Amino acid sequence: MDEQVRCCICGDPVSPPYHIVGQRAYCDRHFATLSKPNRGFWRAGVMQLALIAIFSAVVALLANYVGPLDHTALLLFGVFLAIVPSALWLAFFYDQDRLEPEPKSQIAKVFLLALLLTDVLALRLFNDWFALASWAPAETLNSLLANVLIVGFTIAGIVYASVRLIVYATPEFDERMDGIVYGTVAGLGVATLLNLH
């Protein structure tokens, strides 16, 4: 006897013709919301670019007036520069996404898992296993290939794994835009750790 097909979001039984996307079944109600536009996310993306441009210009201007920094000041300034871009994006996104916000706990879990996987897996692959610094110096074809085939694939895998393991199988992942949101958050986790490193 076949098992009843159920909506992956609400768990209600669904009848043929099924709405199947990516091997996940949806009831009529949740299928209708699957591709709805999220204007808040796109506004957040444009605003993020503008804020990062302003932030970068301010840092570049200040760099001309800041003298040599001691180790502690350099470390604190580096941490500040690594965290601010992620914080700007998350803050503006939450301000724009008031109607159907993603749970902060899920956002934090995806961000932290991507950050942790980057530290535990990616940096060890890049520095220890592949030893990229020794054979892929900047401005060579080797560097380009290493960054695409090793660094790029590893980071994309970490972003995918972070979203897949934390949020993909939950009811919160109920529309295509969620993939963009959580993928971006995972990417910010990777970028933050690489900036901190």
Protein backbone atom coordinates (compact mmCIF):
# COMPACT_ATOMS: atom_id res chain seq x y z
CA MET A 1 0.00 0.00 0.00
CA ASP A 2 1.38 3.41 -1.00
CA GLU A 3 2.07 5.95 1.71
CA GLN A 4 -0.08 9.10 1.56
CA VAL A 5 1.76 12.05 -0.02
CA ARG A 6 1.83 15.00 2.36
CA CYS A 7 2.73 18.68 2.04
CA CYS A 8 6.32 19.23 3.17
CA ILE A 9 5.30 22.45 4.96
CA CYS A 10 2.03 21.77 6.80
CA GLY A 11 1.89 17.97 6.62
CA ASP A 12 -1.64 17.92 5.14
CA PRO A 13 -2.35 15.09 2.67
CA VAL A 14 -2.28 16.16 -0.99
CA SER A 15 -4.06 14.60 -3.95
CA PRO A 16 -2.98 14.25 -7.56
CA PRO A 17 -1.95 16.18 -9.54
CA TYR A 18 0.82 16.80 -7.02
CA HIS A 19 2.85 19.98 -6.85
CA ILE A 20 6.38 18.60 -6.68
CA VAL A 21 9.42 20.89 -6.56
CA GLY A 22 12.83 19.41 -5.85
CA GLN A 23 11.32 16.10 -4.65
CA ARG A 24 9.17 17.98 -2.11
CA ALA A 25 5.36 17.89 -2.32
CA TYR A 26 3.28 21.03 -1.67
CA CYS A 27 -0.42 21.55 -0.98
CA ASP A 28 -2.19 24.16 -3.14
CA ARG A 29 -1.88 26.87 -0.48
CA HIS A 30 1.86 26.46 0.07
CA PHE A 31 2.60 25.95 -3.63
CA ALA A 32 0.98 29.35 -4.30
CA THR A 33 3.37 31.02 -1.84
CA LEU A 34 6.43 29.14 -3.11
CA SER A 35 7.52 31.77 -5.63
CA LYS A 36 6.03 34.92 -4.19
CA PRO A 37 8.33 37.93 -4.48
CA ASN A 38 10.08 39.27 -1.40
CA ARG A 39 10.60 42.97 -2.00
CA GLY A 40 12.25 43.37 1.39
CA PHE A 41 15.08 41.06 0.42
CA TRP A 42 15.81 42.91 -2.82
CA ARG A 43 15.68 46.27 -1.02
CA ALA A 44 18.06 44.84 1.57
CA GLY A 45 20.43 43.70 -1.18
CA VAL A 46 20.53 47.12 -2.88
CA MET A 47 20.85 48.91 0.46
CA GLN A 48 23.62 46.50 1.49
CA LEU A 49 25.62 47.41 -1.61
CA ALA A 50 25.13 51.12 -0.93
CA LEU A 51 26.06 50.80 2.75
CA ILE A 52 29.13 48.70 1.94
CA ALA A 53 30.23 51.28 -0.65
CA ILE A 54 29.82 54.08 1.92
CA PHE A 55 31.53 52.03 4.62
CA SER A 56 34.45 51.23 2.28
CA ALA A 57 34.83 54.88 1.28
CA VAL A 58 34.87 55.99 4.93
CA VAL A 59 37.46 53.33 5.83
CA ALA A 60 39.61 54.32 2.83
CA LEU A 61 39.46 58.00 3.85
CA LEU A 62 40.25 57.24 7.49
CA ALA A 63 43.17 54.99 6.50
CA ASN A 64 45.02 58.07 5.23
CA TYR A 65 44.84 59.72 8.67
CA VAL A 66 45.42 56.73 10.95
CA GLY A 67 49.07 56.13 11.71
CA PRO A 68 50.73 52.79 12.40
CA LEU A 69 48.63 50.77 14.85
CA ASP A 70 49.96 48.57 17.63
CA HIS A 71 49.03 44.87 17.68
CA THR A 72 45.96 45.23 19.93
CA ALA A 73 44.52 48.20 18.03
CA LEU A 74 45.17 46.44 14.72
CA LEU A 75 43.36 43.31 15.97
CA LEU A 76 40.35 45.29 17.24
CA PHE A 77 40.15 47.30 14.02
CA GLY A 78 40.36 44.09 11.96
CA VAL A 79 37.54 42.46 13.94
CA PHE A 80 35.44 45.60 13.46
CA LEU A 81 36.05 45.56 9.69
CA ALA A 82 35.23 41.83 9.49
CA ILE A 83 31.93 42.03 11.37
CA VAL A 84 30.38 45.35 10.29
CA PRO A 85 29.44 44.34 6.69
CA SER A 86 27.55 41.26 7.92
CA ALA A 87 25.85 43.23 10.69
CA LEU A 88 24.74 45.94 8.24
CA TRP A 89 23.13 43.41 5.91
CA LEU A 90 21.37 41.48 8.69
CA ALA A 91 20.07 44.63 10.39
CA PHE A 92 18.65 46.12 7.20
CA PHE A 93 17.17 42.81 6.09
CA TYR A 94 15.29 42.40 9.35
CA ASP A 95 13.97 45.94 9.09
CA GLN A 96 12.61 45.21 5.58
CA ASP A 97 11.36 41.68 6.28
CA ARG A 98 8.77 42.55 8.94
CA LEU A 99 5.77 40.83 7.30
CA GLU A 100 7.19 37.29 7.26
CA PRO A 101 10.56 37.40 8.99
CA GLU A 102 12.80 34.38 9.12
CA PRO A 103 13.36 33.17 12.68
CA LYS A 104 16.46 34.73 14.17
CA SER A 105 17.44 31.39 15.70
CA GLN A 106 17.51 29.73 12.26
CA ILE A 107 19.46 32.63 10.76
CA ALA A 108 21.97 32.42 13.62
CA LYS A 109 22.33 28.63 13.31
CA VAL A 110 23.01 28.78 9.57
CA PHE A 111 25.47 31.65 10.03
CA LEU A 112 27.33 29.90 12.88
CA LEU A 113 27.46 26.51 11.15
CA ALA A 114 28.94 28.11 8.00
CA LEU A 115 31.44 30.00 10.14
CA LEU A 116 32.40 26.83 12.04
CA LEU A 117 32.69 24.66 8.91
CA THR A 118 34.90 27.30 7.31
CA ASP A 119 37.22 27.25 10.31
CA VAL A 120 37.26 23.49 10.84
CA LEU A 121 37.14 22.29 7.23
CA ALA A 122 37.93 24.99 4.65
CA LEU A 123 40.99 26.57 6.24
CA ARG A 124 42.51 23.16 6.90
CA LEU A 125 41.88 22.11 3.31
CA PHE A 126 43.36 25.34 1.93
CA ASN A 127 46.36 25.63 4.26
CA ASP A 128 47.25 22.07 5.30
CA TRP A 129 45.96 19.53 2.81
CA PHE A 130 46.30 21.50 -0.44
CA ALA A 131 48.93 23.99 0.89
CA LEU A 132 47.68 26.60 -1.59
CA ALA A 133 50.15 29.28 -0.49
CA SER A 134 53.10 27.17 -1.61
CA TRP A 135 52.02 26.40 -5.18
CA ALA A 136 49.28 28.87 -6.12
CA PRO A 137 50.73 32.36 -5.68
CA ALA A 138 48.74 35.36 -6.82
CA GLU A 139 48.63 36.45 -10.48
CA THR A 140 49.20 33.04 -12.06
CA LEU A 141 47.01 30.55 -13.87
CA ASN A 142 47.58 28.17 -10.95
CA SER A 143 46.10 30.75 -8.59
CA LEU A 144 43.01 31.17 -10.78
CA LEU A 145 42.46 27.42 -11.04
CA ALA A 146 43.06 26.88 -7.31
CA ASN A 147 40.59 29.63 -6.39
CA VAL A 148 37.92 28.29 -8.71
CA LEU A 149 38.33 24.55 -8.31
CA ILE A 150 39.41 24.31 -4.66
CA VAL A 151 38.40 27.48 -2.82
CA GLY A 152 35.20 28.11 -4.78
CA PHE A 153 33.92 24.53 -4.66
CA THR A 154 34.73 24.22 -0.95
CA ILE A 155 32.96 27.45 -0.03
CA ALA A 156 29.93 26.60 -2.18
CA GLY A 157 29.79 23.18 -0.49
CA ILE A 158 29.90 24.78 2.96
CA VAL A 159 27.09 27.19 2.07
CA TYR A 160 24.98 24.32 0.70
CA ALA A 161 25.68 22.06 3.69
CA SER A 162 24.85 24.81 6.19
CA VAL A 163 21.45 25.46 4.62
CA ARG A 164 20.70 21.79 4.00
CA LEU A 165 21.58 20.61 7.51
CA ILE A 166 19.92 23.41 9.48
CA VAL A 167 16.83 24.70 7.71
CA TYR A 168 16.02 22.88 4.45
CA ALA A 169 13.84 20.14 6.00
CA THR A 170 11.95 22.53 8.32
CA PRO A 171 8.63 24.32 7.71
CA GLU A 172 10.51 27.64 7.68
CA PHE A 173 11.99 26.75 4.29
CA ASP A 174 8.73 27.22 2.41
CA GLU A 175 9.54 29.41 -0.58
CA ARG A 176 12.31 29.84 -3.12
CA MET A 177 13.35 33.17 -1.64
CA ASP A 178 14.27 31.34 1.57
CA GLY A 179 17.05 29.60 -0.34
CA ILE A 180 18.46 33.00 -1.29
CA VAL A 181 18.09 34.37 2.23
CA TYR A 182 19.66 31.42 4.02
CA GLY A 183 22.30 30.96 1.31
CA THR A 184 23.30 34.60 1.71
CA VAL A 185 23.47 34.21 5.50
CA ALA A 186 25.67 31.11 5.11
CA GLY A 187 27.87 33.06 2.69
CA LEU A 188 28.16 35.84 5.28
CA GLY A 189 29.25 33.25 7.84
CA VAL A 190 32.01 32.05 5.51
CA ALA A 191 33.07 35.62 4.64
CA THR A 192 33.11 36.71 8.28
CA LEU A 193 35.40 33.86 9.30
CA LEU A 194 37.71 34.43 6.33
CA ASN A 195 37.84 38.16 7.17
CA LEU A 196 38.56 37.40 10.82
CA HIS A 197 41.29 34.95 9.81
